[in-house]
C-alpha atoms as a PDB file:
ATOM      1  CA  UNK A   1      -9.750  21.351 -12.256  1.00  0.00           C
ATOM      2  CA  UNK A   2     -11.330  18.059 -13.288  1.00  0.00           C
ATOM      3  CA  UNK A   3     -10.850  17.017 -16.920  1.00  0.00           C
ATOM      4  CA  UNK A   4     -11.832  13.325 -17.379  1.00  0.00           C
ATOM      5  CA  UNK A   5      -9.264  11.375 -19.369  1.00  0.00           C
ATOM      6  CA  UNK A   6     -11.628   8.653 -20.575  1.00  0.00           C
ATOM      7  CA  UNK A   7     -15.294   8.356 -21.481  1.00  0.00           C
ATOM      8  CA  UNK A   8     -15.743   5.876 -18.651  1.00  0.00           C
ATOM      9  CA  UNK A   9     -14.419   8.349 -16.089  1.00  0.00           C
ATOM     10  CA  UNK A  10     -16.739  11.018 -17.510  1.00  0.00           C
ATOM     11  CA  UNK A  11     -19.720   8.649 -17.140  1.00  0.00           C
ATOM     12  CA  UNK A  12     -18.705   7.679 -13.617  1.00  0.00           C
ATOM     13  CA  UNK A  13     -18.320  11.345 -12.721  1.00  0.00           C
ATOM     14  CA  UNK A  14     -21.943  11.915 -13.718  1.00  0.00           C
ATOM     15  CA  UNK A  15     -23.006   8.933 -11.577  1.00  0.00           C
ATOM     16  CA  UNK A  16     -20.868  10.028  -8.607  1.00  0.00           C
ATOM     17  CA  UNK A  17     -20.660  13.828  -8.739  1.00  0.00           C
ATOM     18  CA  UNK A  18     -20.161  13.943  -4.970  1.00  0.00           C
ATOM     19  CA  UNK A  19     -16.982  11.864  -5.201  1.00  0.00           C
ATOM     20  CA  UNK A  20     -15.505  14.161  -7.841  1.00  0.00           C
ATOM     21  CA  UNK A  21     -16.463  17.190  -5.767  1.00  0.00           C
ATOM     22  CA  UNK A  22     -14.747  15.678  -2.720  1.00  0.00           C
ATOM     23  CA  UNK A  23     -11.573  14.888  -4.664  1.00  0.00           C
ATOM     24  CA  UNK A  24     -11.585  18.330  -6.283  1.00  0.00           C
ATOM     25  CA  UNK A  25     -11.733  19.925  -2.821  1.00  0.00           C
ATOM     26  CA  UNK A  26      -8.570  17.983  -1.883  1.00  0.00           C
ATOM     27  CA  UNK A  27      -6.719  18.595  -5.152  1.00  0.00           C
ATOM     28  CA  UNK A  28      -6.939  22.372  -5.286  1.00  0.00           C
ATOM     29  CA  UNK A  29      -3.188  23.071  -5.467  1.00  0.00           C
ATOM     30  CA  UNK A  30      -0.023  21.544  -6.896  1.00  0.00           C
ATOM     31  CA  UNK A  31      -0.090  17.925  -5.761  1.00  0.00           C
ATOM     32  CA  UNK A  32       2.170  14.877  -5.720  1.00  0.00           C
ATOM     33  CA  UNK A  33       0.926  11.349  -5.118  1.00  0.00           C
ATOM     34  CA  UNK A  34       2.964   8.547  -3.514  1.00  0.00           C
ATOM     35  CA  UNK A  35       1.757   4.956  -3.970  1.00  0.00           C
ATOM     36  CA  UNK A  36       3.192   2.381  -1.567  1.00  0.00           C
ATOM     37  CA  UNK A  37       2.244  -0.559  -3.768  1.00  0.00           C
ATOM     38  CA  UNK A  38       3.512  -3.266  -1.414  1.00  0.00           C
ATOM     39  CA  UNK A  39       1.108  -1.873   1.190  1.00  0.00           C
ATOM     40  CA  UNK A  40      -1.740  -1.304  -1.272  1.00  0.00           C
ATOM     41  CA  UNK A  41      -1.473  -4.772  -2.775  1.00  0.00           C
ATOM     42  CA  UNK A  42      -2.609  -6.386   0.471  1.00  0.00           C
ATOM     43  CA  UNK A  43      -5.685  -4.174   0.778  1.00  0.00           C
ATOM     44  CA  UNK A  44      -7.503  -6.365  -1.748  1.00  0.00           C
ATOM     45  CA  UNK A  45      -7.972  -9.014   0.960  1.00  0.00           C
ATOM     46  CA  UNK A  46     -10.029  -6.554   2.989  1.00  0.00           C
ATOM     47  CA  UNK A  47     -11.664  -4.851   0.009  1.00  0.00           C
ATOM     48  CA  UNK A  48     -12.596  -7.960  -1.977  1.00  0.00           C
ATOM     49  CA  UNK A  49     -11.582  -6.073  -5.109  1.00  0.00           C
ATOM     50  CA  UNK A  50      -8.282  -5.049  -6.697  1.00  0.00           C
ATOM     51  CA  UNK A  51      -6.819  -1.704  -7.672  1.00  0.00           C
ATOM     52  CA  UNK A  52      -6.146  -1.420 -11.405  1.00  0.00           C
ATOM     53  CA  UNK A  53      -3.024   0.725 -11.806  1.00  0.00           C
ATOM     54  CA  UNK A  54      -3.995   1.854 -15.292  1.00  0.00           C
ATOM     55  CA  UNK A  55      -7.442   3.043 -14.252  1.00  0.00           C
ATOM     56  CA  UNK A  56      -6.020   4.635 -11.109  1.00  0.00           C
ATOM     57  CA  UNK A  57      -3.590   6.673 -13.191  1.00  0.00           C
ATOM     58  CA  UNK A  58      -6.365   7.704 -15.572  1.00  0.00           C
ATOM     59  CA  UNK A  59      -8.399   9.011 -12.652  1.00  0.00           C
ATOM     60  CA  UNK A  60      -5.482  10.857 -11.062  1.00  0.00           C
ATOM     61  CA  UNK A  61      -4.465  12.376 -14.404  1.00  0.00           C
ATOM     62  CA  UNK A  62      -7.991  13.747 -14.752  1.00  0.00           C
ATOM     63  CA  UNK A  63      -7.120  16.349 -12.105  1.00  0.00           C
ATOM     64  CA  UNK A  64      -4.939  19.044 -13.622  1.00  0.00           C
ATOM     65  CA  UNK A  65      -3.367  20.004 -10.286  1.00  0.00           C
ATOM     66  CA  UNK A  66      -1.533  16.686  -9.978  1.00  0.00           C
ATOM     67  CA  UNK A  67       2.135  17.223 -10.780  1.00  0.00           C
ATOM     68  CA  UNK A  68       3.497  13.665 -10.434  1.00  0.00           C
ATOM     69  CA  UNK A  69       2.439  10.191  -9.327  1.00  0.00           C
ATOM     70  CA  UNK A  70       5.185   8.011  -7.854  1.00  0.00           C
ATOM     71  CA  UNK A  71       4.679   4.244  -7.643  1.00  0.00           C
ATOM     72  CA  UNK A  72       7.007   2.216  -5.413  1.00  0.00           C
ATOM     73  CA  UNK A  73       7.161  -1.517  -6.076  1.00  0.00           C
ATOM     74  CA  UNK A  74       9.578  -4.383  -5.507  1.00  0.00           C
ATOM     75  CA  UNK A  75      10.963  -6.575  -8.267  1.00  0.00           C
ATOM     76  CA  UNK A  76      11.203 -10.291  -7.537  1.00  0.00           C
ATOM     77  CA  UNK A  77      14.214 -11.638  -9.418  1.00  0.00           C
ATOM     78  CA  UNK A  78      13.203 -14.100 -12.104  1.00  0.00           C
ATOM     79  CA  UNK A  79       9.502 -13.344 -11.710  1.00  0.00           C
ATOM     80  CA  UNK A  80       8.178 -12.151 -15.059  1.00  0.00           C
ATOM     81  CA  UNK A  81       4.969 -10.910 -13.456  1.00  0.00           C
ATOM     82  CA  UNK A  82       6.610  -8.390 -11.122  1.00  0.00           C
ATOM     83  CA  UNK A  83       8.929  -7.137 -13.854  1.00  0.00           C
ATOM     84  CA  UNK A  84       6.019  -6.743 -16.277  1.00  0.00           C
ATOM     85  CA  UNK A  85       3.971  -4.908 -13.644  1.00  0.00           C
ATOM     86  CA  UNK A  86       6.724  -2.309 -13.216  1.00  0.00           C
ATOM     87  CA  UNK A  87       7.094  -1.954 -16.996  1.00  0.00           C
ATOM     88  CA  UNK A  88       3.346  -1.510 -17.412  1.00  0.00           C
ATOM     89  CA  UNK A  89       3.219   1.116 -14.685  1.00  0.00           C
ATOM     90  CA  UNK A  90       5.993   3.042 -16.386  1.00  0.00           C
ATOM     91  CA  UNK A  91       4.084   2.918 -19.682  1.00  0.00           C
ATOM     92  CA  UNK A  92       1.117   4.539 -17.898  1.00  0.00           C
ATOM     93  CA  UNK A  93       3.381   7.506 -17.021  1.00  0.00           C
ATOM     94  CA  UNK A  94       3.937   6.717 -13.375  1.00  0.00           C
ATOM     95  CA  UNK A  95       7.311   7.604 -11.919  1.00  0.00           C
ATOM     96  CA  UNK A  96       8.276   4.040 -10.971  1.00  0.00           C
ATOM     97  CA  UNK A  97      10.739   3.424  -8.138  1.00  0.00           C
ATOM     98  CA  UNK A  98      11.892  -0.178  -7.718  1.00  0.00           C
ATOM     99  CA  UNK A  99      14.383  -2.339  -5.864  1.00  0.00           C
ATOM    100  CA  UNK A 100      14.849  -6.103  -5.481  1.00  0.00           C
ATOM    101  CA  UNK A 101      12.593  -8.078  -3.164  1.00  0.00           C
ATOM    102  CA  UNK A 102      14.618  -9.699  -0.388  1.00  0.00           C
ATOM    103  CA  UNK A 103      13.864 -13.341   0.328  1.00  0.00           C
ATOM    104  CA  UNK A 104      14.728 -14.442   3.854  1.00  0.00           C
ATOM    105  CA  UNK A 105      14.818 -18.112   4.804  1.00  0.00           C
ATOM    106  CA  UNK A 106      13.709 -18.724   8.387  1.00  0.00           C
ATOM    107  CA  UNK A 107      14.786 -22.078   9.773  1.00  0.00           C
ATOM    108  CA  UNK A 108      12.239 -24.449  11.312  1.00  0.00           C
ATOM    109  CA  UNK A 109      14.978 -26.436  13.086  1.00  0.00           C
ATOM    110  CA  UNK A 110      14.367 -26.426  16.849  1.00  0.00           C
ATOM    111  CA  UNK A 111      16.787 -29.234  17.632  1.00  0.00           C
ATOM    112  CA  UNK A 112      19.235 -26.946  19.435  1.00  0.00           C
ATOM    113  CA  UNK A 113      16.758 -25.379  21.867  1.00  0.00           C
ATOM    114  CA  UNK A 114      14.528 -26.596  24.747  1.00  0.00           C
ATOM    115  CA  UNK A 115      10.967 -27.403  23.693  1.00  0.00           C
ATOM    116  CA  UNK A 116       9.650 -24.577  25.889  1.00  0.00           C
ATOM    117  CA  UNK A 117      11.960 -21.939  24.385  1.00  0.00           C
ATOM    118  CA  UNK A 118      10.424 -19.177  22.199  1.00  0.00           C
ATOM    119  CA  UNK A 119      13.743 -18.498  20.418  1.00  0.00           C
ATOM    120  CA  UNK A 120      12.751 -19.880  17.003  1.00  0.00           C
ATOM    121  CA  UNK A 121       9.135 -18.798  17.322  1.00  0.00           C
ATOM    122  CA  UNK A 122      10.320 -15.179  17.591  1.00  0.00           C
ATOM    123  CA  UNK A 123      11.051 -15.349  13.869  1.00  0.00           C
ATOM    124  CA  UNK A 124       7.388 -16.015  13.106  1.00  0.00           C
ATOM    125  CA  UNK A 125       5.354 -14.418  15.909  1.00  0.00           C
ATOM    126  CA  UNK A 126       5.567 -10.820  17.109  1.00  0.00           C
ATOM    127  CA  UNK A 127       6.967 -10.504  20.612  1.00  0.00           C
ATOM    128  CA  UNK A 128       3.927  -8.796  22.238  1.00  0.00           C
ATOM    129  CA  UNK A 129       1.803 -11.820  21.273  1.00  0.00           C
ATOM    130  CA  UNK A 130       4.530 -14.338  22.037  1.00  0.00           C
ATOM    131  CA  UNK A 131       4.821 -12.999  25.588  1.00  0.00           C
ATOM    132  CA  UNK A 132       1.132 -13.751  26.114  1.00  0.00           C
ATOM    133  CA  UNK A 133       1.483 -17.429  25.201  1.00  0.00           C
ATOM    134  CA  UNK A 134       1.780 -19.989  27.990  1.00  0.00           C
ATOM    135  CA  UNK A 135       4.432 -22.712  28.111  1.00  0.00           C
ATOM    136  CA  UNK A 136       2.035 -25.355  26.822  1.00  0.00           C
ATOM    137  CA  UNK A 137       1.260 -23.304  23.721  1.00  0.00           C
ATOM    138  CA  UNK A 138       4.941 -22.620  23.034  1.00  0.00           C
ATOM    139  CA  UNK A 139       5.734 -26.334  23.365  1.00  0.00           C
ATOM    140  CA  UNK A 140       2.842 -27.166  21.033  1.00  0.00           C
ATOM    141  CA  UNK A 141       4.005 -24.658  18.375  1.00  0.00           C
ATOM    142  CA  UNK A 142       7.605 -25.855  18.624  1.00  0.00           C
ATOM    143  CA  UNK A 143       6.279 -29.353  18.124  1.00  0.00           C
ATOM    144  CA  UNK A 144       4.570 -28.250  14.929  1.00  0.00           C
ATOM    145  CA  UNK A 145       7.821 -26.688  13.696  1.00  0.00           C
ATOM    146  CA  UNK A 146       9.584 -29.991  14.398  1.00  0.00           C
ATOM    147  CA  UNK A 147       6.929 -31.827  12.389  1.00  0.00           C
ATOM    148  CA  UNK A 148       7.495 -29.497   9.441  1.00  0.00           C
ATOM    149  CA  UNK A 149      11.256 -29.945   9.679  1.00  0.00           C
ATOM    150  CA  UNK A 150      10.990 -33.721   9.873  1.00  0.00           C
ATOM    151  CA  UNK A 151       8.668 -33.718   6.851  1.00  0.00           C
ATOM    152  CA  UNK A 152      11.259 -31.859   4.797  1.00  0.00           C
ATOM    153  CA  UNK A 153      10.298 -28.199   5.305  1.00  0.00           C
ATOM    154  CA  UNK A 154      13.673 -27.000   6.555  1.00  0.00           C
ATOM    155  CA  UNK A 155      12.834 -23.314   6.316  1.00  0.00           C
ATOM    156  CA  UNK A 156      10.020 -20.910   5.499  1.00  0.00           C
ATOM    157  CA  UNK A 157      10.521 -18.058   3.049  1.00  0.00           C
ATOM    158  CA  UNK A 158       9.563 -14.485   3.913  1.00  0.00           C
ATOM    159  CA  UNK A 159       9.616 -11.808   1.250  1.00  0.00           C
ATOM    160  CA  UNK A 160      10.472  -8.287   2.286  1.00  0.00           C
ATOM    161  CA  UNK A 161      10.597  -5.078   0.312  1.00  0.00           C
ATOM    162  CA  UNK A 162       9.416  -1.859   1.900  1.00  0.00           C
ATOM    163  CA  UNK A 163       9.909   1.664   0.621  1.00  0.00           C
ATOM    164  CA  UNK A 164       9.468   3.632   3.840  1.00  0.00           C
ATOM    165  CA  UNK A 165      12.815   5.384   3.494  1.00  0.00           C
ATOM    166  CA  UNK A 166      12.402   6.122  -0.224  1.00  0.00           C
ATOM    167  CA  UNK A 167       8.887   7.504   0.070  1.00  0.00           C
ATOM    168  CA  UNK A 168       9.648   9.613   3.129  1.00  0.00           C
ATOM    169  CA  UNK A 169      12.776  10.932   1.410  1.00  0.00           C
ATOM    170  CA  UNK A 170      10.936  11.801  -1.794  1.00  0.00           C
ATOM    171  CA  UNK A 171       8.144  13.599   0.048  1.00  0.00           C
ATOM    172  CA  UNK A 172      10.617  15.826   1.854  1.00  0.00           C
ATOM    173  CA  UNK A 173      12.750  16.381  -1.258  1.00  0.00           C
ATOM    174  CA  UNK A 174       9.651  17.377  -3.227  1.00  0.00           C
ATOM    175  CA  UNK A 175       8.894  19.883  -0.508  1.00  0.00           C
ATOM    176  CA  UNK A 176      12.319  21.459  -0.909  1.00  0.00           C
ATOM    177  CA  UNK A 177      12.711  21.232  -4.705  1.00  0.00           C
ATOM    178  CA  UNK A 178       9.306  21.250  -6.363  1.00  0.00           C
ATOM    179  CA  UNK A 179       7.141  23.569  -4.276  1.00  0.00           C
ATOM    180  CA  UNK A 180       4.454  20.950  -3.814  1.00  0.00           C
ATOM    181  CA  UNK A 181       1.464  22.132  -1.780  1.00  0.00           C
ATOM    182  CA  UNK A 182      -0.490  18.897  -1.311  1.00  0.00           C
ATOM    183  CA  UNK A 183       0.851  15.407  -0.609  1.00  0.00           C
ATOM    184  CA  UNK A 184      -1.298  12.328  -1.171  1.00  0.00           C
ATOM    185  CA  UNK A 185       0.073   9.194   0.513  1.00  0.00           C
ATOM    186  CA  UNK A 186      -1.472   5.848  -0.420  1.00  0.00           C
ATOM    187  CA  UNK A 187      -0.354   3.777   2.558  1.00  0.00           C
ATOM    188  CA  UNK A 188      -1.314   2.983   6.119  1.00  0.00           C
ATOM    189  CA  UNK A 189       2.211   2.266   7.319  1.00  0.00           C
ATOM    190  CA  UNK A 190       3.268   3.720  10.668  1.00  0.00           C
ATOM    191  CA  UNK A 191       6.767   4.546   9.397  1.00  0.00           C
ATOM    192  CA  UNK A 192       5.383   7.493   7.434  1.00  0.00           C
ATOM    193  CA  UNK A 193       4.231   9.322  10.543  1.00  0.00           C
ATOM    194  CA  UNK A 194       7.428  11.391  10.869  1.00  0.00           C
ATOM    195  CA  UNK A 195       7.472  12.875   7.317  1.00  0.00           C
ATOM    196  CA  UNK A 196       3.717  13.515   7.536  1.00  0.00           C
ATOM    197  CA  UNK A 197       4.165  15.357  10.838  1.00  0.00           C
ATOM    198  CA  UNK A 198       7.039  17.388   9.392  1.00  0.00           C
ATOM    199  CA  UNK A 199       5.103  18.398   6.279  1.00  0.00           C
ATOM    200  CA  UNK A 200       2.106  19.433   8.353  1.00  0.00           C
ATOM    201  CA  UNK A 201       4.385  21.504  10.586  1.00  0.00           C
ATOM    202  CA  UNK A 202       5.590  23.189   7.405  1.00  0.00           C
ATOM    203  CA  UNK A 203       1.958  24.130   6.630  1.00  0.00           C
ATOM    204  CA  UNK A 204       1.551  21.628   3.803  1.00  0.00           C
ATOM    205  CA  UNK A 205      -1.595  19.636   3.163  1.00  0.00           C
ATOM    206  CA  UNK A 206      -1.190  15.884   3.587  1.00  0.00           C
ATOM    207  CA  UNK A 207      -3.938  13.337   2.921  1.00  0.00           C
ATOM    208  CA  UNK A 208      -3.860   9.601   3.599  1.00  0.00           C
ATOM    209  CA  UNK A 209      -5.672   7.471   1.020  1.00  0.00           C
ATOM    210  CA  UNK A 210      -6.344   3.998   2.397  1.00  0.00           C
ATOM    211  CA  UNK A 211      -9.085   1.622   3.459  1.00  0.00           C
ATOM    212  CA  UNK A 212     -10.681   1.262   6.861  1.00  0.00           C
ATOM    213  CA  UNK A 213      -8.683  -0.591   9.510  1.00  0.00           C
ATOM    214  CA  UNK A 214      -5.566  -0.399   7.358  1.00  0.00           C
ATOM    215  CA  UNK A 215      -4.216   2.869   8.783  1.00  0.00           C
ATOM    216  CA  UNK A 216      -1.774   2.576  11.674  1.00  0.00           C
ATOM    217  CA  UNK A 217      -2.425   4.321  14.964  1.00  0.00           C
ATOM    218  CA  UNK A 218       0.718   6.396  14.406  1.00  0.00           C
ATOM    219  CA  UNK A 219      -0.584   7.762  11.098  1.00  0.00           C
ATOM    220  CA  UNK A 220      -3.993   8.443  12.594  1.00  0.00           C
ATOM    221  CA  UNK A 221      -2.353  10.412  15.376  1.00  0.00           C
ATOM    222  CA  UNK A 222      -0.784  12.799  12.848  1.00  0.00           C
ATOM    223  CA  UNK A 223      -4.345  14.106  12.274  1.00  0.00           C
ATOM    224  CA  UNK A 224      -3.808  14.055   8.508  1.00  0.00           C
ATOM    225  CA  UNK A 225      -7.253  13.610   6.871  1.00  0.00           C
ATOM    226  CA  UNK A 226      -7.967  10.049   5.722  1.00  0.00           C
ATOM    227  CA  UNK A 227      -9.831   9.381   2.468  1.00  0.00           C
ATOM    228  CA  UNK A 228     -11.400   5.922   2.276  1.00  0.00           C
ATOM    229  CA  UNK A 229     -10.715   4.526  -1.196  1.00  0.00           C
ATOM    230  CA  UNK A 230     -13.906   2.474  -1.023  1.00  0.00           C
ATOM    231  CA  UNK A 231     -15.578   5.697  -2.132  1.00  0.00           C
ATOM    232  CA  UNK A 232     -13.897   5.528  -5.533  1.00  0.00           C
ATOM    233  CA  UNK A 233     -13.998   1.772  -6.056  1.00  0.00           C
ATOM    234  CA  UNK A 234     -15.733   1.900  -9.437  1.00  0.00           C
ATOM    235  CA  UNK A 235     -13.220   4.460 -10.717  1.00  0.00           C
ATOM    236  CA  UNK A 236     -10.124   2.405  -9.867  1.00  0.00           C
ATOM    237  CA  UNK A 237     -11.006  -1.294  -9.545  1.00  0.00           C
ATOM    238  CA  UNK A 238     -10.328  -3.846 -12.245  1.00  0.00           C
ATOM    239  CA  UNK A 239     -12.999  -3.551 -14.975  1.00  0.00           C
ATOM    240  CA  UNK A 240     -14.499  -6.959 -14.156  1.00  0.00           C
ATOM    241  CA  UNK A 241     -15.004  -5.840 -10.529  1.00  0.00           C
ATOM    242  CA  UNK A 242     -17.084  -2.746 -11.243  1.00  0.00           C
ATOM    243  CA  UNK A 243     -20.261  -3.169  -9.223  1.00  0.00           C
ATOM    244  CA  UNK A 244     -23.033  -4.808 -11.283  1.00  0.00           C
ATOM    245  CA  UNK A 245     -25.584  -2.030 -10.785  1.00  0.00           C
ATOM    246  CA  UNK A 246     -23.086   0.466 -12.193  1.00  0.00           C
ATOM    247  CA  UNK A 247     -21.687  -1.663 -15.006  1.00  0.00           C
ATOM    248  CA  UNK A 248     -24.885  -1.409 -17.029  1.00  0.00           C
ATOM    249  CA  UNK A 249     -24.811   2.387 -16.854  1.00  0.00           C
ATOM    250  CA  UNK A 250     -21.354   2.473 -18.446  1.00  0.00           C
ATOM    251  CA  UNK A 251     -22.196   0.581 -21.627  1.00  0.00           C
END
């Protein structure tokens, strides 16, 4: 059942009745939602708009069949922004799951290897692509790393914090403990293919919410239905990014 939590959602529902009907057809039974925020955060580059976690929760809470919404996000030590984001999400009644962001320092020092060796480049370029590069290209890229090192850039930082294990675990635990019928996964990550396959084998409904070209082949091959979140942009984007032709109808 759809029960809009804000006046804005009610107005948008009148503008987009088809979207609400489509969501209502998905959310017919007891449902849990799993938000892989580290994955979702990068969608904005493709979308050219940003997901507002407060407005997203307001929309999800407007469907009475939703039992819980889990949000998984990393905390960068000493970064007030990431800590505040998690605190805000908790205040919006998400179930927030966090852990520290790991910062890995990858050396740019190639002094101990031949110029045509891909050893250091393997830290920065995926092996299938690296194998396609000729010797000249590898030597050129190693030369660029040497330039960086000589200019004082001794390493490059890579931040890593994924929640594949935690989300997959929670989906399967919710199956066993909470009698959930429908599972909504906001992620396109291939590592979720196994729990999705298992839940579908157990006759549960699983839906992938994502944006086009951001769903891995492995997830697509599970045959779980994919809902393109572009359809609900004006429900969940930051207020300043609501499309201009719609903004006037909401005042």
